[in-house]
Structures are given as structure tokens and as C-alpha cells.
């Protein structure tokens, strides 16, 4: 797919997935796209864990309160709080949110380009019920990292419906 076609086709998929395994080569390409994202002051605060083992997926889905419980793979995104620099007032400046957001968007685009579907699942992971901490413990994520997002990856079983976006003129302008 051409870049702008991939961008236009990317959307959050909340349907069922086909049981087809996602080849590890594809999962690696997706994660490489994520790790190629820009990182504030090159601190590289984002790490990734691909899970395609059916037993481990069952355990993860048992923790999650989500809609992706039949995806044949997930990519878990972790972040580590690393101070990039201190500002003029002595405040720590960290770019973990920007780093993992850029990585996730790159992966979502790669997932789309490879013909898979996904959805950025963060709210269910970082809410007060601490699903992310439970999944992190299951995956042996180091204590200085936080699991903040789960991306299901697989072939969609249902028709993918694009949401209507507001017109360009309502959200952008030239001055």
C-alpha cells in the first residue's frame, strides 16, 4: 500500500479475528516499525513484547476487560520513565508518552499495511483496576517499566467499517 492509502485505511477495529496465526516475521516487522519511531532526546523509553502463544494469550485475555479476546497475537507496549533533561526551573522533562504514542502509531500503520487489523487499547490497560500491572507481572516486565497498551493483531473476521472524520476545513486551516 502507498503511505497515504495506509494512513487513510487505518482505523480502530473492535470486531472478531480469524484464527490464522500471525507469522513472527510480520510481528517483527511491526515491532521494528514501532521502534523506528522518533524518541524525545533519543531516550528510547518504549519497549515491546509480542505474544502469540495461545496459552499465554488466554491468560492475558482472562485479565483484560476488552473486546479483542480472540486476536491470535498481541503486542504489549511498555514505557520507562527516563528524564530527558531538567528545564530552566529544575523540573524533570520526560517524553515517555510522546515516545510510546509515536511507536504505537507506527505499528498501527504497519499492521494496516500488512493487511491486519488492530486497536489501540490503553484505557482498559491503565485504568484503576490495574490490568496493565497484572499483564506486566504475567510477562515478567521489569518493575521500572509500565505496561500501558495492548495492540491485538490479526486478520479481521468482520467487515471493517471506517468511521466518518470531520471535514478537513473543520479541523485544519491555512493562515
C-alpha atoms as a PDB file:
ATOM      1  CA  UNK A   1       0.000   0.000   0.000  1.00  0.00           C
ATOM      2  CA  UNK A   2       1.073   3.553  -0.592  1.00  0.00           C
ATOM      3  CA  UNK A   3       1.724   5.585   2.564  1.00  0.00           C
ATOM      4  CA  UNK A   4      -1.270   7.893   2.233  1.00  0.00           C
ATOM      5  CA  UNK A   5      -3.555   4.943   1.442  1.00  0.00           C
ATOM      6  CA  UNK A   6      -2.345   3.193   4.613  1.00  0.00           C
ATOM      7  CA  UNK A   7      -2.968   6.334   6.662  1.00  0.00           C
ATOM      8  CA  UNK A   8      -6.488   6.645   5.226  1.00  0.00           C
ATOM      9  CA  UNK A   9      -7.254   2.931   5.764  1.00  0.00           C
ATOM     10  CA  UNK A  10      -6.002   2.737   9.367  1.00  0.00           C
ATOM     11  CA  UNK A  11      -8.746   2.674  11.965  1.00  0.00           C
ATOM     12  CA  UNK A  12      -9.625   1.031  15.253  1.00  0.00           C
ATOM     13  CA  UNK A  13     -11.008  -2.458  14.752  1.00  0.00           C
ATOM     14  CA  UNK A  14     -13.182  -3.865  17.527  1.00  0.00           C
ATOM     15  CA  UNK A  15     -14.555  -6.955  15.810  1.00  0.00           C
ATOM     16  CA  UNK A  16     -13.627 -10.626  15.897  1.00  0.00           C
ATOM     17  CA  UNK A  17     -10.427 -12.009  14.439  1.00  0.00           C
ATOM     18  CA  UNK A  18      -9.829 -15.005  12.213  1.00  0.00           C
ATOM     19  CA  UNK A  19      -7.905 -17.797  13.968  1.00  0.00           C
ATOM     20  CA  UNK A  20      -4.987 -17.543  11.476  1.00  0.00           C
ATOM     21  CA  UNK A  21      -1.612 -17.294  13.195  1.00  0.00           C
ATOM     22  CA  UNK A  22       0.334 -14.075  12.556  1.00  0.00           C
ATOM     23  CA  UNK A  23       3.800 -15.034  11.291  1.00  0.00           C
ATOM     24  CA  UNK A  24       6.572 -13.941  13.649  1.00  0.00           C
ATOM     25  CA  UNK A  25       8.301 -12.276  10.703  1.00  0.00           C
ATOM     26  CA  UNK A  26       5.270  -9.974  10.389  1.00  0.00           C
ATOM     27  CA  UNK A  27       5.196  -9.318  14.140  1.00  0.00           C
ATOM     28  CA  UNK A  28       8.889  -8.434  13.987  1.00  0.00           C
ATOM     29  CA  UNK A  29       8.328  -6.041  11.067  1.00  0.00           C
ATOM     30  CA  UNK A  30       5.505  -4.371  13.009  1.00  0.00           C
ATOM     31  CA  UNK A  31       7.667  -4.005  16.122  1.00  0.00           C
ATOM     32  CA  UNK A  32      10.604  -2.717  14.081  1.00  0.00           C
ATOM     33  CA  UNK A  33       8.288  -0.026  12.697  1.00  0.00           C
ATOM     34  CA  UNK A  34       7.376   0.911  16.270  1.00  0.00           C
ATOM     35  CA  UNK A  35      10.978   1.060  17.402  1.00  0.00           C
ATOM     36  CA  UNK A  36      11.843   3.245  14.387  1.00  0.00           C
ATOM     37  CA  UNK A  37       9.560   5.994  15.728  1.00  0.00           C
ATOM     38  CA  UNK A  38      11.085   9.237  16.968  1.00  0.00           C
ATOM     39  CA  UNK A  39      12.009   9.385  20.648  1.00  0.00           C
ATOM     40  CA  UNK A  40      12.368  12.581  22.705  1.00  0.00           C
ATOM     41  CA  UNK A  41      16.101  13.312  23.174  1.00  0.00           C
ATOM     42  CA  UNK A  42      16.646   9.752  21.853  1.00  0.00           C
ATOM     43  CA  UNK A  43      15.947   8.292  25.304  1.00  0.00           C
ATOM     44  CA  UNK A  44      14.108   5.341  23.699  1.00  0.00           C
ATOM     45  CA  UNK A  45      11.705   4.846  26.600  1.00  0.00           C
ATOM     46  CA  UNK A  46       9.430   2.377  24.763  1.00  0.00           C
ATOM     47  CA  UNK A  47       9.816  -1.412  24.744  1.00  0.00           C
ATOM     48  CA  UNK A  48       7.649  -4.049  23.061  1.00  0.00           C
ATOM     49  CA  UNK A  49       6.601  -7.627  23.796  1.00  0.00           C
ATOM     50  CA  UNK A  50       4.881  -9.754  21.151  1.00  0.00           C
ATOM     51  CA  UNK A  51       2.724 -12.594  22.445  1.00  0.00           C
ATOM     52  CA  UNK A  52       1.482 -15.341  20.121  1.00  0.00           C
ATOM     53  CA  UNK A  53       1.480 -18.346  22.460  1.00  0.00           C
ATOM     54  CA  UNK A  54      -2.172 -19.468  22.763  1.00  0.00           C
ATOM     55  CA  UNK A  55      -1.896 -20.370  26.470  1.00  0.00           C
ATOM     56  CA  UNK A  56      -0.315 -17.031  27.347  1.00  0.00           C
ATOM     57  CA  UNK A  57      -2.898 -15.186  25.229  1.00  0.00           C
ATOM     58  CA  UNK A  58      -5.682 -16.972  27.136  1.00  0.00           C
ATOM     59  CA  UNK A  59      -4.160 -15.760  30.400  1.00  0.00           C
ATOM     60  CA  UNK A  60      -3.845 -12.180  29.097  1.00  0.00           C
ATOM     61  CA  UNK A  61      -7.430 -12.213  27.809  1.00  0.00           C
ATOM     62  CA  UNK A  62      -8.537 -13.535  31.205  1.00  0.00           C
ATOM     63  CA  UNK A  63      -7.101 -10.370  32.766  1.00  0.00           C
ATOM     64  CA  UNK A  64      -8.352  -7.907  30.164  1.00  0.00           C
ATOM     65  CA  UNK A  65     -11.796  -6.370  30.167  1.00  0.00           C
ATOM     66  CA  UNK A  66     -11.764  -5.799  26.446  1.00  0.00           C
ATOM     67  CA  UNK A  67     -13.186  -6.743  23.083  1.00  0.00           C
ATOM     68  CA  UNK A  68     -10.121  -8.326  21.443  1.00  0.00           C
ATOM     69  CA  UNK A  69     -10.230 -11.682  23.191  1.00  0.00           C
ATOM     70  CA  UNK A  70      -9.744 -13.749  20.041  1.00  0.00           C
ATOM     71  CA  UNK A  71      -6.825 -11.996  18.319  1.00  0.00           C
ATOM     72  CA  UNK A  72      -4.100 -14.543  17.506  1.00  0.00           C
ATOM     73  CA  UNK A  73      -1.370 -12.166  18.703  1.00  0.00           C
ATOM     74  CA  UNK A  74      -0.915  -9.062  20.794  1.00  0.00           C
ATOM     75  CA  UNK A  75       1.893  -6.558  21.093  1.00  0.00           C
ATOM     76  CA  UNK A  76       2.279  -5.153  24.592  1.00  0.00           C
ATOM     77  CA  UNK A  77       3.826  -1.701  24.858  1.00  0.00           C
ATOM     78  CA  UNK A  78       5.819  -0.682  27.902  1.00  0.00           C
ATOM     79  CA  UNK A  79       7.369   2.610  28.871  1.00  0.00           C
ATOM     80  CA  UNK A  80      10.152   3.537  31.238  1.00  0.00           C
ATOM     81  CA  UNK A  81      10.319   6.941  32.926  1.00  0.00           C
ATOM     82  CA  UNK A  82      13.636   8.429  31.864  1.00  0.00           C
ATOM     83  CA  UNK A  83      14.444  12.080  32.459  1.00  0.00           C
ATOM     84  CA  UNK A  84      15.484  13.699  29.179  1.00  0.00           C
ATOM     85  CA  UNK A  85      16.675  16.927  30.838  1.00  0.00           C
ATOM     86  CA  UNK A  86      15.822  19.470  33.520  1.00  0.00           C
ATOM     87  CA  UNK A  87      14.100  22.629  32.321  1.00  0.00           C
ATOM     88  CA  UNK A  88      15.064  26.159  33.367  1.00  0.00           C
ATOM     89  CA  UNK A  89      13.049  25.807  36.599  1.00  0.00           C
ATOM     90  CA  UNK A  90      14.598  22.482  37.630  1.00  0.00           C
ATOM     91  CA  UNK A  91      11.638  20.335  36.523  1.00  0.00           C
ATOM     92  CA  UNK A  92      12.264  16.904  35.043  1.00  0.00           C
ATOM     93  CA  UNK A  93      11.260  16.723  31.385  1.00  0.00           C
ATOM     94  CA  UNK A  94      10.254  13.237  30.254  1.00  0.00           C
ATOM     95  CA  UNK A  95       8.879  12.211  26.882  1.00  0.00           C
ATOM     96  CA  UNK A  96       7.609   8.685  27.524  1.00  0.00           C
ATOM     97  CA  UNK A  97       4.025   9.454  26.443  1.00  0.00           C
ATOM     98  CA  UNK A  98       5.184  11.038  23.199  1.00  0.00           C
ATOM     99  CA  UNK A  99       7.636   8.178  22.597  1.00  0.00           C
ATOM    100  CA  UNK A 100       5.141   5.361  23.030  1.00  0.00           C
ATOM    101  CA  UNK A 101       2.433   7.256  21.140  1.00  0.00           C
ATOM    102  CA  UNK A 102       4.694   7.625  18.110  1.00  0.00           C
ATOM    103  CA  UNK A 103       5.701   3.952  18.357  1.00  0.00           C
ATOM    104  CA  UNK A 104       2.075   2.814  18.591  1.00  0.00           C
ATOM    105  CA  UNK A 105       1.015   4.887  15.585  1.00  0.00           C
ATOM    106  CA  UNK A 106       3.900   3.496  13.526  1.00  0.00           C
ATOM    107  CA  UNK A 107       2.847  -0.036  14.494  1.00  0.00           C
ATOM    108  CA  UNK A 108      -0.808   0.634  13.682  1.00  0.00           C
ATOM    109  CA  UNK A 109       0.233   1.830  10.228  1.00  0.00           C
ATOM    110  CA  UNK A 110       2.469  -1.223   9.738  1.00  0.00           C
ATOM    111  CA  UNK A 111      -0.358  -3.518  10.894  1.00  0.00           C
ATOM    112  CA  UNK A 112      -2.665  -1.926   8.316  1.00  0.00           C
ATOM    113  CA  UNK A 113      -0.042  -2.088   5.546  1.00  0.00           C
ATOM    114  CA  UNK A 114       0.405  -5.831   6.176  1.00  0.00           C
ATOM    115  CA  UNK A 115      -3.362  -6.481   5.925  1.00  0.00           C
ATOM    116  CA  UNK A 116      -4.059  -6.980   9.633  1.00  0.00           C
ATOM    117  CA  UNK A 117      -6.372  -5.117  11.985  1.00  0.00           C
ATOM    118  CA  UNK A 118      -5.820  -3.710  15.465  1.00  0.00           C
ATOM    119  CA  UNK A 119      -6.981  -1.223  18.052  1.00  0.00           C
ATOM    120  CA  UNK A 120      -5.035   0.967  20.485  1.00  0.00           C
ATOM    121  CA  UNK A 121      -6.148  -0.424  23.851  1.00  0.00           C
ATOM    122  CA  UNK A 122      -4.833   1.783  26.627  1.00  0.00           C
ATOM    123  CA  UNK A 123      -7.785   2.829  28.789  1.00  0.00           C
ATOM    124  CA  UNK A 124      -8.661  -0.757  29.703  1.00  0.00           C
ATOM    125  CA  UNK A 125      -4.999  -1.390  30.475  1.00  0.00           C
ATOM    126  CA  UNK A 126      -4.186   1.669  32.586  1.00  0.00           C
ATOM    127  CA  UNK A 127      -7.484   2.112  34.478  1.00  0.00           C
ATOM    128  CA  UNK A 128      -7.753   1.808  38.262  1.00  0.00           C
ATOM    129  CA  UNK A 129      -8.296  -1.971  38.096  1.00  0.00           C
ATOM    130  CA  UNK A 130      -4.617  -2.211  37.077  1.00  0.00           C
ATOM    131  CA  UNK A 131      -4.961  -4.736  34.252  1.00  0.00           C
ATOM    132  CA  UNK A 132      -1.646  -3.480  32.864  1.00  0.00           C
ATOM    133  CA  UNK A 133       0.149  -4.315  36.115  1.00  0.00           C
ATOM    134  CA  UNK A 134      -1.354  -7.799  36.104  1.00  0.00           C
ATOM    135  CA  UNK A 135      -0.318  -8.404  32.483  1.00  0.00           C
ATOM    136  CA  UNK A 136       3.139  -6.961  33.225  1.00  0.00           C
ATOM    137  CA  UNK A 137       3.567  -9.417  36.106  1.00  0.00           C
ATOM    138  CA  UNK A 138       2.495 -12.298  33.846  1.00  0.00           C
ATOM    139  CA  UNK A 139       5.063 -11.229  31.216  1.00  0.00           C
ATOM    140  CA  UNK A 140       7.826 -10.521  33.778  1.00  0.00           C
ATOM    141  CA  UNK A 141       8.109  -6.857  32.779  1.00  0.00           C
ATOM    142  CA  UNK A 142      10.814  -5.154  34.893  1.00  0.00           C
ATOM    143  CA  UNK A 143       9.421  -3.121  37.799  1.00  0.00           C
ATOM    144  CA  UNK A 144      10.807   0.157  36.412  1.00  0.00           C
ATOM    145  CA  UNK A 145       8.624  -0.210  33.302  1.00  0.00           C
ATOM    146  CA  UNK A 146       4.863   0.267  32.971  1.00  0.00           C
ATOM    147  CA  UNK A 147       2.727  -1.739  30.554  1.00  0.00           C
ATOM    148  CA  UNK A 148       0.487   0.931  29.033  1.00  0.00           C
ATOM    149  CA  UNK A 149      -1.000  -0.504  25.847  1.00  0.00           C
ATOM    150  CA  UNK A 150      -2.042  -3.771  24.227  1.00  0.00           C
ATOM    151  CA  UNK A 151      -2.378  -3.973  20.447  1.00  0.00           C
ATOM    152  CA  UNK A 152      -4.306  -7.014  19.206  1.00  0.00           C
ATOM    153  CA  UNK A 153      -3.025  -8.192  15.824  1.00  0.00           C
ATOM    154  CA  UNK A 154      -4.817 -10.439  13.365  1.00  0.00           C
ATOM    155  CA  UNK A 155      -6.923 -10.743  10.247  1.00  0.00           C
ATOM    156  CA  UNK A 156     -10.368  -9.245  10.751  1.00  0.00           C
ATOM    157  CA  UNK A 157     -13.291 -11.684  10.693  1.00  0.00           C
ATOM    158  CA  UNK A 158     -15.862  -8.919  10.300  1.00  0.00           C
ATOM    159  CA  UNK A 159     -16.251  -6.182   7.730  1.00  0.00           C
ATOM    160  CA  UNK A 160     -14.038  -3.260   8.614  1.00  0.00           C
ATOM    161  CA  UNK A 161     -16.046  -0.063   8.767  1.00  0.00           C
ATOM    162  CA  UNK A 162     -14.321   3.280   8.565  1.00  0.00           C
ATOM    163  CA  UNK A 163     -15.588   5.995  10.861  1.00  0.00           C
ATOM    164  CA  UNK A 164     -16.569   9.327   9.426  1.00  0.00           C
ATOM    165  CA  UNK A 165     -13.987  12.020  10.082  1.00  0.00           C
ATOM    166  CA  UNK A 166     -14.868  15.674  10.326  1.00  0.00           C
ATOM    167  CA  UNK A 167     -14.084  17.576   7.111  1.00  0.00           C
ATOM    168  CA  UNK A 168     -10.589  18.994   6.731  1.00  0.00           C
ATOM    169  CA  UNK A 169     -11.958  22.545   6.876  1.00  0.00           C
ATOM    170  CA  UNK A 170     -13.423  21.953  10.364  1.00  0.00           C
ATOM    171  CA  UNK A 171     -10.085  20.829  11.826  1.00  0.00           C
ATOM    172  CA  UNK A 172      -7.334  22.491   9.820  1.00  0.00           C
ATOM    173  CA  UNK A 173      -6.651  25.821   8.189  1.00  0.00           C
ATOM    174  CA  UNK A 174      -4.053  27.887   6.457  1.00  0.00           C
ATOM    175  CA  UNK A 175      -3.093  31.308   7.842  1.00  0.00           C
END
